[in-house]
Amino acid sequence: MPTVTTSGFTQYYEVHGDPAHPPVLLISGLGGVGASWGPQVERFAANHFVLLPDQRGTGRTTHAADGYTTEQLAEDMIAVVEHAGLPSVHVVGASTGGAIAQHIALERPDLVRSLTLSSSFARFDAFMHREFEIRRKMAVEWDRFDLLSAYSLFLFSPRFTDEHPERVSAWIENAGRVREDEAADRKIDLHRIDMIAAHDTSARLGEISRPTLVLCGDDNHCTPMPVSEELAEGIAGAELVVFEDAGELIEIEQPDRYFEVVGSFIARHL
């Protein structure tokens, strides 16, 4: 799979689908690994050319000691698009990926055909500041499997957890796999939490000019509805779609509807 290497930093990404099809850049959430999109990759790749990066500090991209800002990760993503030789892409960002995507749209609108911000935010509100203060403390002190089990309470809706406990357990098991350097990667986890806590594009939302879709579950206890409403209200012409009985990971909880909504939006802006 392709890599972009500059100044000792190697950005890994995968490509899926036919290069002749409309290109889509899928930017994952806080975990940062492209594979977290799961079956959505196959769905998009059926009719799109998919770029699937592992973000700085995660997966097969360099686990760098620094550079953890949403602005820098946007530059990393821009490098992926340019390396792939694409003049522009449809950008779909989930949570942290949506924060990164905002900077792409602000700094390089020429690269963005459309922008989808899924369970994302322009800035933390009081709820999210309190949430991530607790999550950061947990990330320092807790065993990884216990940590991810607790995270699942923030990320999945109560209904989904009740109806699909095996899928939540599988998510915990997969995300909790032993990492090559657990101590170093724990430091990166903290850098990435601090990165999103510092993210704030609220004063610049009006500068985003690309067609924008904002998605949020109405039972999201990670990036709750008010922060999605702020995005939709701040970006001119943005569409807001609410997923009923869904939490943070709407692409996992309601995969068919998620792809239908995003795919239809992209199709309107080819």
Foldseek 3Di string as FASTA:
>chain_A
DDWDDDPRWIKDKDKAADPVAAEEEEAEALQQFQCVLPPVVVVCRVRYIYIGTRFACHDPTDNDPDDQALLSRLVVVVSVCVVVVHQAHAYAYAASGLLSVVNCLQPPVRRHLEYEYALYFQADDPLQVVVLVVLLVCLVPDQLLVSLVVVLPQFWFPVLCVVCVVVSVVVSVVSSDDDPDVVSSSSVSNSNSVNRNPRHCLVPLQSRDHAYEYEAECRHNNSHDVRSVSSQVSHPPYHYDYDYRTYRPCCVSPVVVVCVVVVVVVVVRD
